[in-house]
Every structure is written in C-alpha cells, then in structure tokens.
C-alpha cells in the first residue's frame, strides 16, 4: 500500500467517524 492510498483511507475513515 502506497502513502497516497493510506492517506485516502485514513481521511475516509475520519470522515466516516465524524458523520456517525
């Protein structure tokens, strides 16, 4: 997994947590 994919995954996870 490259840095960009990890970053996108991390951002997506944070947004998903906030919208919960």
PDB file of N, CA and C in Angstrom:
ATOM      1  N   UNK A   1       0.858  -1.204   0.000  1.00  0.00           N
ATOM      2  CA  UNK A   1       0.000   0.000   0.000  1.00  0.00           C
ATOM      3  C   UNK A   1       0.888   1.245   0.000  1.00  0.00           C
ATOM      4  N   UNK A   2       0.642   2.128  -0.958  1.00  0.00           N
ATOM      5  CA  UNK A   2       1.490   3.317  -1.023  1.00  0.00           C
ATOM      6  C   UNK A   2       0.950   4.399  -0.088  1.00  0.00           C
ATOM      7  N   UNK A   3       1.712   5.481   0.074  1.00  0.00           N
ATOM      8  CA  UNK A   3       1.332   6.544   1.008  1.00  0.00           C
ATOM      9  C   UNK A   3       0.017   7.205   0.618  1.00  0.00           C
ATOM     10  N   UNK A   4      -0.178   7.384  -0.675  1.00  0.00           N
ATOM     11  CA  UNK A   4      -1.410   8.053  -1.117  1.00  0.00           C
ATOM     12  C   UNK A   4      -2.637   7.221  -0.754  1.00  0.00           C
ATOM     13  N   UNK A   5      -2.572   5.932  -0.988  1.00  0.00           N
ATOM     14  CA  UNK A   5      -3.712   5.062  -0.676  1.00  0.00           C
ATOM     15  C   UNK A   5      -3.988   5.069   0.825  1.00  0.00           C
ATOM     16  N   UNK A   6      -2.911   5.036   1.604  1.00  0.00           N
ATOM     17  CA  UNK A   6      -3.069   5.054   3.057  1.00  0.00           C
ATOM     18  C   UNK A   6      -3.697   6.363   3.512  1.00  0.00           C
ATOM     19  N   UNK A   7      -3.253   7.463   2.936  1.00  0.00           N
ATOM     20  CA  UNK A   7      -3.791   8.776   3.294  1.00  0.00           C
ATOM     21  C   UNK A   7      -5.276   8.866   2.957  1.00  0.00           C
ATOM     22  N   UNK A   8      -5.638   8.413   1.772  1.00  0.00           N
ATOM     23  CA  UNK A   8      -7.041   8.462   1.360  1.00  0.00           C
ATOM     24  C   UNK A   8      -7.899   7.601   2.285  1.00  0.00           C
ATOM     25  N   UNK A   9      -7.381   6.440   2.644  1.00  0.00           N
ATOM     26  CA  UNK A   9      -8.110   5.557   3.545  1.00  0.00           C
ATOM     27  C   UNK A   9      -8.292   6.200   4.914  1.00  0.00           C
ATOM     28  N   UNK A  10      -7.237   6.844   5.409  1.00  0.00           N
ATOM     29  CA  UNK A  10      -7.287   7.492   6.711  1.00  0.00           C
ATOM     30  C   UNK A  10      -8.304   8.627   6.721  1.00  0.00           C
ATOM     31  N   UNK A  11      -8.289   9.438   5.679  1.00  0.00           N
ATOM     32  CA  UNK A  11      -9.232  10.560   5.581  1.00  0.00           C
ATOM     33  C   UNK A  11     -10.667  10.030   5.526  1.00  0.00           C
ATOM     34  N   UNK A  12     -10.882   9.007   4.711  1.00  0.00           N
ATOM     35  CA  UNK A  12     -12.214   8.421   4.582  1.00  0.00           C
ATOM     36  C   UNK A  12     -12.713   7.904   5.929  1.00  0.00           C
ATOM     37  N   UNK A  13     -11.821   7.252   6.677  1.00  0.00           N
ATOM     38  CA  UNK A  13     -12.167   6.703   7.979  1.00  0.00           C
ATOM     39  C   UNK A  13     -12.525   7.818   8.962  1.00  0.00           C
ATOM     40  N   UNK A  14     -11.749   8.882   8.972  1.00  0.00           N
ATOM     41  CA  UNK A  14     -12.026  10.002   9.871  1.00  0.00           C
ATOM     42  C   UNK A  14     -13.370  10.634   9.552  1.00  0.00           C
ATOM     43  N   UNK A  15     -13.647  10.844   8.278  1.00  0.00           N
ATOM     44  CA  UNK A  15     -14.916  11.455   7.870  1.00  0.00           C
ATOM     45  C   UNK A  15     -16.081  10.548   8.272  1.00  0.00           C
ATOM     46  N   UNK A  16     -15.897   9.261   8.076  1.00  0.00           N
ATOM     47  CA  UNK A  16     -16.952   8.311   8.421  1.00  0.00           C
ATOM     48  C   UNK A  16     -17.229   8.336   9.924  1.00  0.00           C
ATOM     49  N   UNK A  17     -16.187   8.460  10.730  1.00  0.00           N
ATOM     50  CA  UNK A  17     -16.362   8.535  12.182  1.00  0.00           C
ATOM     51  C   UNK A  17     -17.112   9.803  12.565  1.00  0.00           C
ATOM     52  N   UNK A  18     -16.764  10.909  11.953  1.00  0.00           N
ATOM     53  CA  UNK A  18     -17.387  12.182  12.296  1.00  0.00           C
ATOM     54  C   UNK A  18     -18.864  12.207  11.923  1.00  0.00           C
ATOM     55  N   UNK A  19     -19.215  11.536  10.837  1.00  0.00           N
ATOM     56  CA  UNK A  19     -20.604  11.540  10.378  1.00  0.00           C
ATOM     57  C   UNK A  19     -21.468  10.562  11.160  1.00  0.00           C
ATOM     58  N   UNK A  20     -20.850   9.728  11.949  1.00  0.00           N
ATOM     59  CA  UNK A  20     -21.591   8.749  12.735  1.00  0.00           C
ATOM     60  C   UNK A  20     -22.352   9.443  13.864  1.00  0.00           C
TER      61      UNK A  20
END
